[in-house]
């Protein structure tokens, strides 16, 4: 089950709205959606929350016309999600665009996280590391770990979040009530 919401910081506080991501195919589309949520002020901070229940979550921060900042709690898990693929850009994954490394994330792993034809069972971690493709998506957090630091959520706390993460983030930002209205 997925949940997606937009939180826009205005001079009156945070405003939340749920959002459908069905028409969003790229990070640019998501950024445009976030900018539309800004209440008339192009410099407003807008956060896009995406969560796959108890598996992974992502936060995209758009501050006016600046490039979006992205944090994903578990890149490998997100890579198996069409919504996660939106966040896992070549730049975030450390790949050079146009070099042939930009294979579809679906081709890198099956839905169970193994490569085509693999059982997923390894004798030990060294065997798993040796067989991993060099351009695979890393397991664990990826992106800007300080994305919410100036809004009240330090890097260490962000990295420690697991279940119900978006509610905890909203609470740290002082926006838990407005987020709950769209949940």
N, C-alpha and C. Protein backbone atom coordinates (compact mmCIF):
# COMPACT_ATOMS: atom_id res chain seq x y z
N UNK A 1 0.84 -1.17 0.00
CA UNK A 1 0.00 0.00 0.00
C UNK A 1 0.89 1.24 0.00
N UNK A 2 0.55 2.17 -0.85
CA UNK A 2 1.32 3.41 -0.98
C UNK A 2 0.54 4.58 -0.41
N UNK A 3 1.29 5.57 0.06
CA UNK A 3 0.72 6.82 0.50
C UNK A 3 1.60 7.93 -0.06
N UNK A 4 0.98 8.96 -0.60
CA UNK A 4 1.72 10.11 -1.11
C UNK A 4 1.00 11.38 -0.68
N UNK A 5 1.78 12.36 -0.25
CA UNK A 5 1.20 13.64 0.19
C UNK A 5 2.18 14.75 -0.10
N UNK A 6 1.65 15.95 -0.20
CA UNK A 6 2.44 17.15 -0.37
C UNK A 6 2.27 18.00 0.89
N UNK A 7 3.36 18.52 1.41
CA UNK A 7 3.33 19.47 2.52
C UNK A 7 3.98 20.75 2.03
N UNK A 8 3.22 21.82 2.02
CA UNK A 8 3.75 23.12 1.58
C UNK A 8 3.87 24.04 2.79
N UNK A 9 5.04 24.61 2.98
CA UNK A 9 5.25 25.55 4.08
C UNK A 9 4.93 26.95 3.59
N UNK A 10 3.98 27.56 4.25
CA UNK A 10 3.56 28.91 3.90
C UNK A 10 3.83 29.82 5.09
N UNK A 11 3.53 31.09 4.94
CA UNK A 11 3.72 32.01 6.06
C UNK A 11 2.74 31.72 7.20
N UNK A 12 1.66 31.00 6.91
CA UNK A 12 0.68 30.62 7.93
C UNK A 12 0.94 29.25 8.52
N UNK A 13 1.99 28.57 8.12
CA UNK A 13 2.29 27.23 8.61
C UNK A 13 2.25 26.23 7.47
N UNK A 14 2.14 24.96 7.82
CA UNK A 14 2.14 23.89 6.84
C UNK A 14 0.73 23.63 6.31
N UNK A 15 0.63 23.38 5.02
CA UNK A 15 -0.61 22.95 4.40
C UNK A 15 -0.35 21.61 3.73
N UNK A 16 -1.25 20.67 3.94
CA UNK A 16 -1.07 19.33 3.38
C UNK A 16 -2.15 19.03 2.36
N UNK A 17 -1.77 18.22 1.39
CA UNK A 17 -2.74 17.71 0.42
C UNK A 17 -2.27 16.32 -0.01
N UNK A 18 -3.25 15.43 -0.15
CA UNK A 18 -2.87 14.12 -0.68
C UNK A 18 -2.71 14.28 -2.18
N UNK A 19 -2.02 13.38 -2.77
CA UNK A 19 -1.77 13.51 -4.20
C UNK A 19 -1.77 12.14 -4.85
N UNK A 20 -2.19 12.15 -6.09
CA UNK A 20 -2.14 10.94 -6.91
C UNK A 20 -0.89 11.01 -7.76
N UNK A 21 -0.16 9.93 -7.82
CA UNK A 21 1.07 9.90 -8.59
C UNK A 21 0.91 9.12 -9.89
N UNK A 22 -0.32 8.79 -10.24
CA UNK A 22 -0.57 7.98 -11.45
C UNK A 22 -0.04 8.64 -12.72
N UNK A 23 -0.10 9.97 -12.80
CA UNK A 23 0.36 10.67 -14.00
C UNK A 23 1.80 11.15 -13.90
N UNK A 24 2.46 10.85 -12.79
CA UNK A 24 3.85 11.27 -12.57
C UNK A 24 4.77 10.16 -13.04
N UNK A 25 5.61 10.49 -14.02
CA UNK A 25 6.53 9.48 -14.57
C UNK A 25 8.00 9.80 -14.32
N UNK A 26 8.30 11.07 -14.04
CA UNK A 26 9.70 11.48 -13.87
C UNK A 26 9.82 12.40 -12.65
N UNK A 27 11.04 12.63 -12.23
CA UNK A 27 11.29 13.57 -11.15
C UNK A 27 10.84 14.97 -11.56
N UNK A 28 10.99 15.33 -12.82
CA UNK A 28 10.53 16.63 -13.30
C UNK A 28 9.02 16.78 -13.12
N UNK A 29 8.27 15.72 -13.43
CA UNK A 29 6.82 15.75 -13.23
C UNK A 29 6.49 15.94 -11.75
N UNK A 30 7.21 15.25 -10.89
CA UNK A 30 6.98 15.35 -9.46
C UNK A 30 7.33 16.75 -8.95
N UNK A 31 8.40 17.31 -9.45
CA UNK A 31 8.81 18.66 -9.07
C UNK A 31 7.75 19.67 -9.50
N UNK A 32 7.24 19.51 -10.70
CA UNK A 32 6.19 20.41 -11.20
C UNK A 32 4.94 20.32 -10.33
N UNK A 33 4.58 19.11 -9.93
CA UNK A 33 3.44 18.90 -9.04
C UNK A 33 3.67 19.62 -7.71
N UNK A 34 4.87 19.53 -7.19
CA UNK A 34 5.21 20.20 -5.93
C UNK A 34 5.14 21.71 -6.07
N UNK A 35 5.65 22.24 -7.16
CA UNK A 35 5.62 23.69 -7.37
C UNK A 35 4.19 24.20 -7.49
N UNK A 36 3.30 23.40 -8.07
CA UNK A 36 1.90 23.79 -8.15
C UNK A 36 1.26 23.87 -6.77
N UNK A 37 1.77 23.11 -5.82
CA UNK A 37 1.23 23.10 -4.46
C UNK A 37 1.67 24.32 -3.66
N UNK A 38 2.73 24.99 -4.11
CA UNK A 38 3.19 26.19 -3.42
C UNK A 38 2.09 27.24 -3.54
N UNK A 39 1.75 27.84 -2.43
CA UNK A 39 0.60 28.75 -2.39
C UNK A 39 0.94 30.13 -2.92
N UNK A 40 1.20 30.21 -4.20
CA UNK A 40 1.42 31.50 -4.82
C UNK A 40 2.83 32.04 -4.69
N UNK A 41 3.59 31.58 -3.72
CA UNK A 41 4.95 32.05 -3.52
C UNK A 41 5.91 31.00 -4.05
N UNK A 42 6.63 31.34 -5.09
CA UNK A 42 7.53 30.38 -5.73
C UNK A 42 8.69 29.97 -4.82
N UNK A 43 8.90 30.71 -3.73
CA UNK A 43 9.99 30.37 -2.82
C UNK A 43 9.56 29.46 -1.67
N UNK A 44 8.29 29.10 -1.62
CA UNK A 44 7.81 28.20 -0.57
C UNK A 44 8.56 26.87 -0.64
N UNK A 45 8.72 26.27 0.52
CA UNK A 45 9.27 24.93 0.60
C UNK A 45 8.13 23.95 0.49
N UNK A 46 8.27 22.98 -0.41
CA UNK A 46 7.26 21.94 -0.56
C UNK A 46 7.96 20.60 -0.40
N UNK A 47 7.37 19.75 0.43
CA UNK A 47 7.87 18.40 0.64
C UNK A 47 6.90 17.42 0.02
N UNK A 48 7.44 16.47 -0.71
CA UNK A 48 6.63 15.38 -1.24
C UNK A 48 7.00 14.15 -0.45
N UNK A 49 6.01 13.54 0.17
CA UNK A 49 6.20 12.31 0.93
C UNK A 49 5.65 11.15 0.11
N UNK A 50 6.43 10.10 -0.02
CA UNK A 50 5.98 8.87 -0.65
C UNK A 50 6.38 7.73 0.28
N UNK A 51 5.43 6.84 0.53
CA UNK A 51 5.71 5.76 1.45
C UNK A 51 5.07 4.47 0.96
N UNK A 52 5.85 3.41 0.97
CA UNK A 52 5.29 2.08 0.80
C UNK A 52 5.31 1.48 2.20
N UNK A 53 4.13 1.22 2.72
CA UNK A 53 3.92 0.84 4.11
C UNK A 53 4.97 -0.14 4.63
N UNK A 54 5.72 0.29 5.63
CA UNK A 54 6.71 -0.53 6.35
C UNK A 54 7.82 -1.10 5.46
N UNK A 55 8.00 -0.56 4.24
CA UNK A 55 9.06 -1.06 3.36
C UNK A 55 10.09 0.04 3.10
N UNK A 56 9.64 1.19 2.62
CA UNK A 56 10.53 2.31 2.35
C UNK A 56 9.72 3.60 2.33
N UNK A 57 10.42 4.72 2.46
CA UNK A 57 9.79 6.02 2.28
C UNK A 57 10.78 6.94 1.59
N UNK A 58 10.23 7.96 0.96
CA UNK A 58 11.06 8.94 0.29
C UNK A 58 10.53 10.34 0.55
N UNK A 59 11.44 11.30 0.57
CA UNK A 59 11.09 12.70 0.73
C UNK A 59 11.78 13.46 -0.39
N UNK A 60 11.01 14.25 -1.09
CA UNK A 60 11.55 15.16 -2.10
C UNK A 60 11.27 16.57 -1.60
N UNK A 61 12.30 17.39 -1.58
CA UNK A 61 12.15 18.77 -1.12
C UNK A 61 12.38 19.69 -2.30
N UNK A 62 11.41 20.57 -2.50
CA UNK A 62 11.50 21.56 -3.57
C UNK A 62 11.44 22.94 -2.91
N UNK A 63 12.51 23.70 -3.09
CA UNK A 63 12.59 25.07 -2.58
C UNK A 63 12.64 26.01 -3.76
N UNK A 64 11.49 26.51 -4.18
CA UNK A 64 11.43 27.42 -5.30
C UNK A 64 11.98 26.79 -6.57
N UNK A 65 12.84 27.50 -7.24
CA UNK A 65 13.39 27.04 -8.52
C UNK A 65 14.66 26.22 -8.37
N UNK A 66 15.08 25.96 -7.12
CA UNK A 66 16.28 25.14 -6.91
C UNK A 66 16.01 23.71 -7.33
N UNK A 67 17.08 22.97 -7.62
CA UNK A 67 16.94 21.56 -7.94
C UNK A 67 16.34 20.83 -6.74
N UNK A 68 15.50 19.85 -6.99
CA UNK A 68 14.91 19.10 -5.87
C UNK A 68 15.97 18.31 -5.13
N UNK A 69 15.77 18.18 -3.83
CA UNK A 69 16.63 17.36 -2.98
C UNK A 69 15.85 16.11 -2.63
N UNK A 70 16.54 14.97 -2.60
CA UNK A 70 15.85 13.69 -2.45
C UNK A 70 16.51 12.86 -1.34
N UNK A 71 15.66 12.19 -0.58
CA UNK A 71 16.12 11.20 0.39
C UNK A 71 15.22 9.98 0.25
N UNK A 72 15.82 8.81 0.18
CA UNK A 72 15.10 7.54 0.12
C UNK A 72 15.64 6.66 1.24
N UNK A 73 14.73 6.09 2.05
CA UNK A 73 15.16 5.32 3.22
C UNK A 73 15.80 3.99 2.87
N UNK A 74 15.38 3.37 1.77
CA UNK A 74 15.95 2.09 1.33
C UNK A 74 15.90 2.06 -0.19
N UNK A 75 17.02 2.37 -0.80
CA UNK A 75 17.07 2.50 -2.26
C UNK A 75 16.75 1.18 -2.96
N UNK A 76 17.25 0.07 -2.45
CA UNK A 76 17.00 -1.22 -3.10
C UNK A 76 15.51 -1.55 -3.08
N UNK A 77 14.86 -1.32 -1.96
CA UNK A 77 13.41 -1.58 -1.87
C UNK A 77 12.65 -0.62 -2.78
N UNK A 78 13.05 0.64 -2.81
CA UNK A 78 12.38 1.62 -3.66
C UNK A 78 12.55 1.30 -5.14
N UNK A 79 13.68 0.68 -5.50
CA UNK A 79 13.93 0.36 -6.91
C UNK A 79 12.94 -0.66 -7.45
N UNK A 80 12.30 -1.39 -6.57
CA UNK A 80 11.31 -2.38 -6.99
C UNK A 80 9.91 -1.80 -7.05
N UNK A 81 9.81 -0.50 -6.94
CA UNK A 81 8.53 0.21 -6.95
C UNK A 81 8.52 1.23 -8.08
N UNK A 82 7.42 1.33 -8.78
CA UNK A 82 7.36 2.33 -9.86
C UNK A 82 7.48 3.74 -9.29
N UNK A 83 6.96 3.97 -8.08
CA UNK A 83 7.11 5.29 -7.47
C UNK A 83 8.53 5.52 -7.01
N UNK A 84 9.17 4.50 -6.53
CA UNK A 84 10.57 4.62 -6.11
C UNK A 84 11.48 4.92 -7.28
N UNK A 85 11.17 4.34 -8.42
CA UNK A 85 11.98 4.58 -9.62
C UNK A 85 12.01 6.05 -10.00
N UNK A 86 10.93 6.76 -9.70
CA UNK A 86 10.87 8.20 -9.99
C UNK A 86 11.95 8.94 -9.21
N UNK A 87 12.19 8.51 -7.98
CA UNK A 87 13.15 9.18 -7.10
C UNK A 87 14.59 8.78 -7.35
N UNK A 88 14.80 7.58 -7.86
CA UNK A 88 16.15 7.05 -8.02
C UNK A 88 16.73 7.47 -9.37
N UNK A 89 17.11 8.72 -9.44
CA UNK A 89 17.67 9.27 -10.67
C UNK A 89 19.10 8.80 -10.87
N UNK A 90 19.61 8.94 -12.08
CA UNK A 90 21.01 8.61 -12.36
C UNK A 90 21.94 9.36 -11.43
N UNK A 91 21.66 10.64 -11.23
CA UNK A 91 22.51 11.47 -10.37
C UNK A 91 22.52 10.93 -8.93
N UNK A 92 21.35 10.58 -8.41
CA UNK A 92 21.27 10.06 -7.05
C UNK A 92 22.00 8.74 -6.92
N UNK A 93 21.93 7.92 -7.97
CA UNK A 93 22.59 6.62 -7.96
C UNK A 93 24.07 6.69 -8.34
N UNK A 94 24.55 7.89 -8.68
CA UNK A 94 25.95 8.05 -9.02
C UNK A 94 26.31 7.53 -10.40
N UNK A 95 25.31 7.47 -11.28
CA UNK A 95 25.56 7.01 -12.64
C UNK A 95 25.60 8.21 -13.57
N UNK A 96 26.40 8.10 -14.57
CA UNK A 96 26.53 9.15 -15.57
C UNK A 96 25.42 8.98 -16.61
N UNK A 97 24.54 9.98 -16.78
CA UNK A 97 23.49 9.86 -17.79
C UNK A 97 24.08 9.68 -19.19
N UNK A 98 23.45 8.80 -19.96
CA UNK A 98 23.87 8.60 -21.35
C UNK A 98 25.05 7.69 -21.54
N UNK A 99 25.50 6.99 -20.49
CA UNK A 99 26.66 6.12 -20.63
C UNK A 99 26.31 4.66 -20.81
N UNK A 100 25.01 4.38 -20.94
CA UNK A 100 24.60 3.00 -21.10
C UNK A 100 24.33 2.32 -19.77
N UNK A 101 24.63 2.98 -18.67
CA UNK A 101 24.38 2.42 -17.34
C UNK A 101 22.96 2.70 -16.88
N UNK A 102 22.18 3.39 -17.68
CA UNK A 102 20.86 3.80 -17.24
C UNK A 102 19.79 2.77 -17.57
N UNK A 103 20.16 1.49 -17.48
CA UNK A 103 19.19 0.43 -17.69
C UNK A 103 18.01 0.64 -16.76
N UNK A 104 16.87 0.24 -17.22
CA UNK A 104 15.67 0.31 -16.39
C UNK A 104 15.94 -0.40 -15.08
N UNK A 105 15.52 0.18 -13.98
CA UNK A 105 15.74 -0.45 -12.68
C UNK A 105 15.07 -1.81 -12.61
N UNK A 106 13.99 -2.00 -13.35
CA UNK A 106 13.32 -3.29 -13.36
C UNK A 106 14.23 -4.37 -13.93
N UNK A 107 15.13 -3.99 -14.82
CA UNK A 107 16.04 -4.97 -15.41
C UNK A 107 17.18 -5.33 -14.46
N UNK A 108 17.47 -4.47 -13.50
CA UNK A 108 18.55 -4.75 -12.56
C UNK A 108 18.15 -5.80 -11.54
N UNK A 109 16.92 -5.77 -11.10
CA UNK A 109 16.46 -6.73 -10.10
C UNK A 109 15.06 -7.17 -10.43
N UNK A 110 14.74 -8.41 -10.03
CA UNK A 110 13.36 -8.87 -10.08
C UNK A 110 12.64 -8.27 -8.89
N UNK A 111 11.34 -8.50 -8.80
CA UNK A 111 10.58 -7.95 -7.70
C UNK A 111 11.03 -8.49 -6.35
N UNK A 112 11.64 -9.67 -6.32
CA UNK A 112 12.12 -10.20 -5.05
C UNK A 112 13.52 -9.71 -4.71
N UNK A 113 14.11 -8.88 -5.59
CA UNK A 113 15.42 -8.31 -5.32
C UNK A 113 16.57 -9.11 -5.88
N UNK A 114 16.31 -10.21 -6.58
CA UNK A 114 17.39 -11.00 -7.15
C UNK A 114 17.51 -10.71 -8.63
N UNK A 115 18.65 -11.03 -9.18
CA UNK A 115 18.83 -10.88 -10.61
C UNK A 115 18.09 -12.01 -11.32
N UNK A 116 17.82 -11.82 -12.61
CA UNK A 116 17.13 -12.85 -13.37
C UNK A 116 17.84 -14.19 -13.22
N UNK A 117 17.08 -15.22 -12.90
CA UNK A 117 17.61 -16.57 -12.82
C UNK A 117 18.27 -16.93 -11.51
N UNK A 118 18.43 -15.98 -10.59
CA UNK A 118 19.07 -16.29 -9.31
C UNK A 118 18.01 -16.69 -8.29
N UNK A 119 18.40 -17.55 -7.38
CA UNK A 119 17.47 -17.98 -6.35
C UNK A 119 17.41 -16.98 -5.20
N UNK A 120 18.42 -16.17 -5.04
CA UNK A 120 18.46 -15.21 -3.95
C UNK A 120 19.12 -15.77 -2.71
N UNK A 121 19.47 -17.05 -2.71
CA UNK A 121 20.11 -17.66 -1.55
C UNK A 121 21.62 -17.71 -1.78
N UNK A 122 22.36 -17.07 -0.89
CA UNK A 122 23.81 -17.07 -0.98
C UNK A 122 24.37 -17.79 0.23
N UNK A 123 25.51 -18.43 -0.01
CA UNK A 123 26.18 -19.12 1.09
C UNK A 123 26.69 -18.14 2.13
N UNK A 124 27.24 -17.04 1.68
CA UNK A 124 27.73 -16.03 2.61
C UNK A 124 27.69 -14.67 1.93
N UNK A 125 27.95 -13.63 2.72
CA UNK A 125 27.90 -12.26 2.22
C UNK A 125 28.93 -12.00 1.12
N UNK A 126 30.10 -12.62 1.20
CA UNK A 126 31.14 -12.42 0.18
C UNK A 126 30.64 -12.89 -1.17
N UNK A 127 29.94 -14.02 -1.20
CA UNK A 127 29.39 -14.52 -2.46
C UNK A 127 28.34 -13.55 -3.00
N UNK A 128 27.54 -13.00 -2.11
CA UNK A 128 26.51 -12.05 -2.53
C UNK A 128 27.16 -10.80 -3.12
N UNK A 129 28.20 -10.29 -2.46
CA UNK A 129 28.88 -9.10 -2.96
C UNK A 129 29.59 -9.36 -4.28
N UNK A 130 30.18 -10.54 -4.43
CA UNK A 130 30.90 -10.87 -5.66
C UNK A 130 29.97 -10.98 -6.85
N UNK A 131 28.75 -11.46 -6.63
CA UNK A 131 27.80 -11.63 -7.72
C UNK A 131 26.98 -10.39 -8.01
N UNK A 132 27.05 -9.37 -7.14
CA UNK A 132 26.24 -8.17 -7.34
C UNK A 132 26.77 -7.38 -8.53
N UNK A 133 25.89 -6.92 -9.41
CA UNK A 133 26.35 -6.11 -10.52
C UNK A 133 26.91 -4.78 -10.02
N UNK A 134 27.88 -4.24 -10.72
CA UNK A 134 28.55 -3.03 -10.25
C UNK A 134 27.63 -1.82 -10.27
N UNK A 135 26.59 -1.85 -11.11
CA UNK A 135 25.70 -0.70 -11.18
C UNK A 135 24.38 -0.97 -10.46
N UNK A 136 24.40 -1.91 -9.49
CA UNK A 136 23.18 -2.23 -8.77
C UNK A 136 22.79 -1.09 -7.83
N UNK A 137 21.56 -1.13 -7.41
CA UNK A 137 21.05 -0.13 -6.50
C UNK A 137 21.44 -0.52 -5.08
N UNK A 138 22.05 0.39 -4.33
CA UNK A 138 22.50 0.04 -2.98
C UNK A 138 21.34 -0.17 -2.02
N UNK A 139 21.56 -1.04 -1.07
CA UNK A 139 20.57 -1.26 -0.02
C UNK A 139 20.77 -0.18 1.03
N UNK A 140 19.70 0.27 1.63
CA UNK A 140 19.79 1.27 2.68
C UNK A 140 19.54 2.68 2.18
N UNK A 141 19.75 3.66 3.06
CA UNK A 141 19.45 5.06 2.74
C UNK A 141 20.30 5.59 1.59
N UNK A 142 19.68 6.51 0.84
CA UNK A 142 20.38 7.12 -0.28
C UNK A 142 19.85 8.54 -0.45
N UNK A 143 20.74 9.45 -0.74
CA UNK A 143 20.33 10.82 -1.01
C UNK A 143 20.81 11.78 0.06
N UNK A 144 20.10 12.90 0.14
CA UNK A 144 20.45 14.00 1.03
C UNK A 144 19.94 13.72 2.45
N UNK A 145 20.82 13.25 3.31
CA UNK A 145 20.43 12.89 4.68
C UNK A 145 20.18 14.12 5.55
N UNK A 146 20.53 15.30 5.05
CA UNK A 146 20.31 16.54 5.81
C UNK A 146 19.15 17.34 5.23
N UNK A 147 18.32 16.68 4.46
CA UNK A 147 17.23 17.31 3.73
C UNK A 147 16.25 18.07 4.64
N UNK A 148 16.08 17.61 5.87
CA UNK A 148 15.11 18.21 6.78
C UNK A 148 15.74 18.85 8.01
N UNK A 149 17.06 18.92 8.03
CA UNK A 149 17.77 19.40 9.21
C UNK A 149 17.36 20.82 9.60
N UNK A 150 17.27 21.72 8.63
CA UNK A 150 16.91 23.10 8.95
C UNK A 150 15.43 23.26 9.29
N UNK A 151 14.65 22.20 9.10
CA UNK A 151 13.23 22.23 9.44
C UNK A 151 12.93 21.55 10.77
N UNK A 152 13.97 21.03 11.44
CA UNK A 152 13.78 20.46 12.77
C UNK A 152 14.02 18.97 12.89
N UNK A 153 14.48 18.31 11.83
CA UNK A 153 14.75 16.87 11.92
C UNK A 153 16.20 16.61 11.54
N UNK A 154 17.05 16.41 12.56
CA UNK A 154 18.48 16.18 12.31
C UNK A 154 18.73 14.89 11.52
N UNK A 155 19.86 14.85 10.87
CA UNK A 155 20.28 13.71 10.04
C UNK A 155 20.21 12.39 10.82
N UNK A 156 20.71 12.37 12.03
CA UNK A 156 20.75 11.14 12.83
C UNK A 156 19.34 10.60 13.06
N UNK A 157 18.39 11.48 13.34
CA UNK A 157 17.01 11.05 13.56
C UNK A 157 16.37 10.55 12.27
N UNK A 158 16.64 11.22 11.17
CA UNK A 158 16.09 10.79 9.87
C UNK A 158 16.58 9.39 9.54
N UNK A 159 17.86 9.13 9.75
CA UNK A 159 18.43 7.83 9.45
C UNK A 159 17.90 6.72 10.35
N UNK A 160 17.39 7.07 11.52
CA UNK A 160 16.90 6.05 12.46
C UNK A 160 15.42 5.70 12.24
N UNK A 161 14.72 6.43 11.38
CA UNK A 161 13.29 6.19 11.17
C UNK A 161 13.05 4.91 10.40
N UNK A 162 12.06 4.16 10.81
CA UNK A 162 11.69 2.90 10.14
C UNK A 162 10.20 2.89 9.84
N UNK A 163 9.39 2.42 10.78
CA UNK A 163 7.95 2.34 10.54
C UNK A 163 7.28 3.64 10.96
N UNK A 164 6.22 3.97 10.29
CA UNK A 164 5.47 5.20 10.55
C UNK A 164 6.36 6.44 10.45
N UNK A 165 7.31 6.38 9.55
CA UNK A 165 8.31 7.44 9.42
C UNK A 165 7.71 8.79 9.05
N UNK A 166 6.75 8.80 8.13
CA UNK A 166 6.21 10.08 7.68
C UNK A 166 5.49 10.81 8.81
N UNK A 167 4.83 10.07 9.67
CA UNK A 167 4.17 10.70 10.83
C UNK A 167 5.21 11.30 11.77
N UNK A 168 6.32 10.60 11.97
CA UNK A 168 7.38 11.11 12.84
C UNK A 168 8.05 12.34 12.22
N UNK A 169 8.22 12.33 10.91
CA UNK A 169 8.79 13.50 10.24
C UNK A 169 7.84 14.68 10.40
N UNK A 170 6.57 14.46 10.14
CA UNK A 170 5.58 15.54 10.26
C UNK A 170 5.54 16.10 11.68
N UNK A 171 5.66 15.22 12.66
CA UNK A 171 5.66 15.68 14.06
C UNK A 171 6.87 16.57 14.33
N UNK A 172 8.04 16.18 13.84
CA UNK A 172 9.24 16.99 14.03
C UNK A 172 9.13 18.35 13.34
N UNK A 173 8.37 18.40 12.25
CA UNK A 173 8.20 19.65 11.51
C UNK A 173 7.07 20.51 12.07
N UNK A 174 6.30 19.94 13.01
CA UNK A 174 5.14 20.65 13.53
C UNK A 174 3.96 20.59 12.58
N UNK A 175 3.89 19.53 11.78
CA UNK A 175 2.84 19.42 10.77
C UNK A 175 2.05 18.12 10.88
N UNK A 176 2.10 17.48 12.04
CA UNK A 176 1.45 16.17 12.16
C UNK A 176 -0.05 16.26 12.00
N UNK A 177 -0.68 17.31 12.53
CA UNK A 177 -2.14 17.44 12.41
C UNK A 177 -2.56 17.63 10.96
N UNK A 178 -1.85 18.44 10.21
CA UNK A 178 -2.25 18.66 8.82
C UNK A 178 -1.98 17.42 7.96
N UNK A 179 -0.94 16.68 8.27
CA UNK A 179 -0.68 15.45 7.52
C UNK A 179 -1.76 14.41 7.79
N UNK A 180 -2.17 14.31 9.04
CA UNK A 180 -3.21 13.34 9.39
C UNK A 180 -4.53 13.63 8.70
N UNK A 181 -4.80 14.88 8.36
CA UNK A 181 -6.06 15.20 7.68
C UNK A 181 -6.12 14.62 6.28
N UNK A 182 -4.98 14.32 5.67
CA UNK A 182 -4.98 13.76 4.31
C UNK A 182 -4.64 12.27 4.30
N UNK A 183 -4.32 11.72 5.43
CA UNK A 183 -3.97 10.30 5.51
C UNK A 183 -5.16 9.41 5.38
